[in-house]
Amino acid sequence: MTVSQTELNDFTRAFSYRIDSGERLTAALNILAAGTTNPILNQAATDISQRLVGGETLSQAMAQYPTIFDDEYRIVIRRGEMTGRLEDALRILA
């Protein structure tokens, strides 16, 4: 099983909405993981949340899943992290 572009777009859009509303990254990821029917995306979101708790940045954690979050995706996330505008970066990707 893989993560389709539609699933990734839906995930990113929902992630953007949750972050934009002020939800913590880890909480948003855990909720999204629980809400997905794709086991690969579920595992990735859960692991990324745990990596954030462990001190990694979102882009670093996403780098562990290059088949889901490609270089371009992670670069946009990294720019969002660096500028403090992660919600804008997610909106662009969605």
N, C-alpha and C. Protein backbone atom coordinates (compact mmCIF):
# COMPACT_ATOMS: atom_id res chain seq x y z
N MET A 1 0.84 -1.19 0.00
CA MET A 1 0.00 0.00 0.00
C MET A 1 0.89 1.25 0.00
N THR A 2 0.42 2.26 -0.67
CA THR A 2 1.13 3.53 -0.72
C THR A 2 0.19 4.65 -0.28
N VAL A 3 0.74 5.86 -0.25
CA VAL A 3 -0.06 7.05 0.05
C VAL A 3 -0.30 7.77 -1.27
N SER A 4 -1.55 7.90 -1.66
CA SER A 4 -1.87 8.56 -2.92
C SER A 4 -1.71 10.07 -2.79
N GLN A 5 -1.60 10.73 -3.91
CA GLN A 5 -1.50 12.19 -3.90
C GLN A 5 -2.74 12.81 -3.28
N THR A 6 -3.90 12.23 -3.54
CA THR A 6 -5.15 12.74 -2.95
C THR A 6 -5.12 12.61 -1.43
N GLU A 7 -4.65 11.46 -0.94
CA GLU A 7 -4.56 11.26 0.51
C GLU A 7 -3.58 12.26 1.14
N LEU A 8 -2.45 12.48 0.48
CA LEU A 8 -1.47 13.44 1.00
C LEU A 8 -2.04 14.85 0.98
N ASN A 9 -2.72 15.21 -0.08
CA ASN A 9 -3.34 16.55 -0.15
C ASN A 9 -4.38 16.73 0.94
N ASP A 10 -5.22 15.72 1.16
CA ASP A 10 -6.24 15.80 2.21
C ASP A 10 -5.59 15.91 3.59
N PHE A 11 -4.56 15.11 3.82
CA PHE A 11 -3.82 15.14 5.08
C PHE A 11 -3.22 16.52 5.30
N THR A 12 -2.56 17.05 4.29
CA THR A 12 -1.90 18.35 4.39
C THR A 12 -2.91 19.46 4.63
N ARG A 13 -4.02 19.41 3.95
CA ARG A 13 -5.08 20.42 4.12
C ARG A 13 -5.62 20.38 5.55
N ALA A 14 -5.91 19.19 6.05
CA ALA A 14 -6.42 19.05 7.41
C ALA A 14 -5.37 19.48 8.44
N PHE A 15 -4.12 19.15 8.19
CA PHE A 15 -3.02 19.56 9.06
C PHE A 15 -2.94 21.09 9.10
N SER A 16 -3.04 21.70 7.94
CA SER A 16 -3.00 23.16 7.83
C SER A 16 -4.11 23.80 8.65
N TYR A 17 -5.33 23.28 8.53
CA TYR A 17 -6.46 23.83 9.27
C TYR A 17 -6.23 23.73 10.77
N ARG A 18 -5.74 22.60 11.21
CA ARG A 18 -5.53 22.39 12.65
C ARG A 18 -4.43 23.30 13.19
N ILE A 19 -3.35 23.45 12.46
CA ILE A 19 -2.25 24.32 12.90
C ILE A 19 -2.71 25.77 12.87
N ASP A 20 -3.44 26.14 11.85
CA ASP A 20 -3.94 27.51 11.72
C ASP A 20 -4.88 27.86 12.87
N SER A 21 -5.58 26.88 13.41
CA SER A 21 -6.50 27.13 14.52
C SER A 21 -5.79 27.14 15.87
N GLY A 22 -4.47 26.93 15.86
CA GLY A 22 -3.69 27.02 17.09
C GLY A 22 -3.39 25.70 17.77
N GLU A 23 -3.74 24.61 17.13
CA GLU A 23 -3.48 23.30 17.72
C GLU A 23 -1.98 23.00 17.66
N ARG A 24 -1.48 22.32 18.68
CA ARG A 24 -0.07 21.93 18.70
C ARG A 24 0.19 20.90 17.60
N LEU A 25 1.42 20.91 17.08
CA LEU A 25 1.78 19.99 16.00
C LEU A 25 1.53 18.54 16.39
N THR A 26 1.99 18.17 17.58
CA THR A 26 1.85 16.77 17.99
C THR A 26 0.38 16.37 18.12
N ALA A 27 -0.43 17.24 18.69
CA ALA A 27 -1.86 16.93 18.83
C ALA A 27 -2.51 16.80 17.46
N ALA A 28 -2.19 17.71 16.57
CA ALA A 28 -2.76 17.66 15.22
C ALA A 28 -2.37 16.37 14.51
N LEU A 29 -1.11 15.99 14.61
CA LEU A 29 -0.65 14.77 13.95
C LEU A 29 -1.32 13.53 14.54
N ASN A 30 -1.48 13.50 15.85
CA ASN A 30 -2.12 12.34 16.48
C ASN A 30 -3.58 12.22 16.06
N ILE A 31 -4.28 13.33 15.98
CA ILE A 31 -5.68 13.32 15.55
C ILE A 31 -5.78 12.88 14.09
N LEU A 32 -4.89 13.41 13.26
CA LEU A 32 -4.91 13.04 11.84
C LEU A 32 -4.56 11.57 11.64
N ALA A 33 -3.61 11.08 12.44
CA ALA A 33 -3.24 9.66 12.35
C ALA A 33 -4.45 8.78 12.68
N ALA A 34 -5.16 9.15 13.72
CA ALA A 34 -6.33 8.36 14.13
C ALA A 34 -7.45 8.42 13.09
N GLY A 35 -7.48 9.49 12.32
CA GLY A 35 -8.56 9.68 11.36
C GLY A 35 -8.31 9.13 9.97
N THR A 36 -7.10 8.67 9.70
CA THR A 36 -6.81 8.16 8.36
C THR A 36 -7.06 6.66 8.28
N THR A 37 -7.50 6.22 7.13
CA THR A 37 -7.70 4.79 6.91
C THR A 37 -6.48 4.14 6.27
N ASN A 38 -5.49 4.97 5.91
CA ASN A 38 -4.28 4.45 5.28
C ASN A 38 -3.27 4.11 6.38
N PRO A 39 -2.93 2.83 6.56
CA PRO A 39 -2.02 2.46 7.65
C PRO A 39 -0.62 3.05 7.51
N ILE A 40 -0.17 3.28 6.30
CA ILE A 40 1.15 3.88 6.10
C ILE A 40 1.15 5.33 6.58
N LEU A 41 0.15 6.08 6.21
CA LEU A 41 0.04 7.47 6.65
C LEU A 41 -0.20 7.54 8.15
N ASN A 42 -0.97 6.62 8.68
CA ASN A 42 -1.21 6.55 10.12
C ASN A 42 0.12 6.36 10.86
N GLN A 43 0.92 5.38 10.43
CA GLN A 43 2.20 5.10 11.08
C GLN A 43 3.15 6.29 10.95
N ALA A 44 3.21 6.89 9.78
CA ALA A 44 4.10 8.03 9.56
C ALA A 44 3.71 9.20 10.46
N ALA A 45 2.44 9.53 10.52
CA ALA A 45 1.99 10.66 11.35
C ALA A 45 2.26 10.40 12.82
N THR A 46 2.03 9.18 13.27
CA THR A 46 2.29 8.82 14.67
C THR A 46 3.77 8.93 14.98
N ASP A 47 4.60 8.39 14.10
CA ASP A 47 6.05 8.44 14.31
C ASP A 47 6.58 9.87 14.26
N ILE A 48 6.09 10.66 13.34
CA ILE A 48 6.52 12.06 13.24
C ILE A 48 6.17 12.80 14.51
N SER A 49 4.99 12.56 15.05
CA SER A 49 4.60 13.19 16.31
C SER A 49 5.57 12.81 17.43
N GLN A 50 5.93 11.54 17.51
CA GLN A 50 6.87 11.08 18.53
C GLN A 50 8.25 11.69 18.33
N ARG A 51 8.66 11.84 17.10
CA ARG A 51 9.96 12.46 16.82
C ARG A 51 9.98 13.94 17.21
N LEU A 52 8.83 14.61 17.03
CA LEU A 52 8.74 16.01 17.47
C LEU A 52 8.90 16.10 18.98
N VAL A 53 8.26 15.19 19.70
CA VAL A 53 8.41 15.15 21.16
C VAL A 53 9.87 14.91 21.53
N GLY A 54 10.56 14.12 20.72
CA GLY A 54 11.98 13.83 20.94
C GLY A 54 12.92 14.95 20.55
N GLY A 55 12.40 16.04 19.98
CA GLY A 55 13.24 17.19 19.68
C GLY A 55 13.54 17.46 18.22
N GLU A 56 13.08 16.60 17.33
CA GLU A 56 13.31 16.85 15.91
C GLU A 56 12.36 17.93 15.41
N THR A 57 12.76 18.59 14.35
CA THR A 57 11.85 19.53 13.69
C THR A 57 10.91 18.72 12.80
N LEU A 58 9.85 19.35 12.35
CA LEU A 58 8.89 18.67 11.48
C LEU A 58 9.57 18.21 10.20
N SER A 59 10.38 19.07 9.60
CA SER A 59 11.04 18.69 8.34
C SER A 59 12.02 17.54 8.56
N GLN A 60 12.71 17.52 9.69
CA GLN A 60 13.62 16.41 9.99
C GLN A 60 12.85 15.11 10.15
N ALA A 61 11.74 15.18 10.87
CA ALA A 61 10.93 13.98 11.10
C ALA A 61 10.33 13.48 9.79
N MET A 62 9.87 14.38 8.95
CA MET A 62 9.28 13.99 7.67
C MET A 62 10.32 13.38 6.73
N ALA A 63 11.58 13.73 6.92
CA ALA A 63 12.65 13.19 6.07
C ALA A 63 12.79 11.68 6.24
N GLN A 64 12.26 11.13 7.31
CA GLN A 64 12.30 9.68 7.52
C GLN A 64 11.32 8.96 6.59
N TYR A 65 10.47 9.73 5.93
CA TYR A 65 9.43 9.17 5.05
C TYR A 65 9.49 9.81 3.67
N PRO A 66 10.61 9.63 2.94
CA PRO A 66 10.78 10.30 1.65
C PRO A 66 9.81 9.82 0.57
N THR A 67 9.23 8.64 0.73
CA THR A 67 8.26 8.19 -0.27
C THR A 67 6.90 8.86 -0.09
N ILE A 68 6.67 9.45 1.09
CA ILE A 68 5.44 10.19 1.34
C ILE A 68 5.68 11.68 1.16
N PHE A 69 6.73 12.18 1.82
CA PHE A 69 7.05 13.61 1.82
C PHE A 69 8.34 13.81 1.03
N ASP A 70 8.21 14.15 -0.25
CA ASP A 70 9.38 14.27 -1.12
C ASP A 70 10.20 15.52 -0.77
N ASP A 71 11.33 15.68 -1.47
CA ASP A 71 12.24 16.80 -1.20
C ASP A 71 11.53 18.14 -1.28
N GLU A 72 10.75 18.34 -2.32
CA GLU A 72 10.06 19.62 -2.51
C GLU A 72 9.12 19.91 -1.34
N TYR A 73 8.39 18.91 -0.92
CA TYR A 73 7.46 19.06 0.21
C TYR A 73 8.23 19.48 1.47
N ARG A 74 9.33 18.77 1.74
CA ARG A 74 10.11 19.06 2.95
C ARG A 74 10.80 20.42 2.89
N ILE A 75 11.20 20.85 1.71
CA ILE A 75 11.81 22.18 1.57
C ILE A 75 10.80 23.26 1.92
N VAL A 76 9.57 23.12 1.45
CA VAL A 76 8.53 24.10 1.77
C VAL A 76 8.25 24.09 3.27
N ILE A 77 8.20 22.91 3.88
CA ILE A 77 8.00 22.81 5.33
C ILE A 77 9.16 23.48 6.06
N ARG A 78 10.37 23.22 5.62
CA ARG A 78 11.56 23.82 6.27
C ARG A 78 11.50 25.34 6.19
N ARG A 79 11.13 25.87 5.05
CA ARG A 79 11.02 27.33 4.92
C ARG A 79 9.97 27.88 5.88
N GLY A 80 8.86 27.16 6.01
CA GLY A 80 7.82 27.56 6.96
C GLY A 80 8.33 27.55 8.39
N GLU A 81 9.12 26.55 8.73
CA GLU A 81 9.71 26.49 10.07
C GLU A 81 10.65 27.66 10.31
N MET A 82 11.48 27.96 9.33
CA MET A 82 12.48 29.02 9.47
C MET A 82 11.86 30.40 9.57
N THR A 83 10.73 30.59 8.91
CA THR A 83 10.09 31.92 8.91
C THR A 83 9.00 32.05 9.95
N GLY A 84 8.68 30.94 10.64
CA GLY A 84 7.60 30.97 11.61
C GLY A 84 6.22 30.99 10.96
N ARG A 85 6.14 30.56 9.71
CA ARG A 85 4.88 30.59 8.95
C ARG A 85 4.54 29.18 8.44
N LEU A 86 4.60 28.23 9.34
CA LEU A 86 4.34 26.85 8.96
C LEU A 86 2.93 26.67 8.39
N GLU A 87 1.97 27.38 8.96
CA GLU A 87 0.59 27.25 8.46
C GLU A 87 0.49 27.70 7.01
N ASP A 88 1.26 28.73 6.64
CA ASP A 88 1.28 29.18 5.24
C ASP A 88 1.93 28.13 4.34
N ALA A 89 3.01 27.53 4.83
CA ALA A 89 3.69 26.49 4.06
C ALA A 89 2.75 25.32 3.80
N LEU A 90 2.01 24.92 4.82
CA LEU A 90 1.07 23.82 4.65
C LEU A 90 -0.05 24.17 3.67
N ARG A 91 -0.50 25.41 3.73
CA ARG A 91 -1.54 25.86 2.79
C ARG A 91 -1.05 25.78 1.35
N ILE A 92 0.20 26.18 1.14
CA ILE A 92 0.80 26.12 -0.20
C ILE A 92 0.84 24.68 -0.69
N LEU A 93 1.22 23.77 0.18
CA LEU A 93 1.34 22.37 -0.20
C LEU A 93 0.00 21.68 -0.42
N ALA A 94 -1.01 22.16 0.28
CA ALA A 94 -2.34 21.54 0.16
C ALA A 94 -2.97 21.92 -1.16
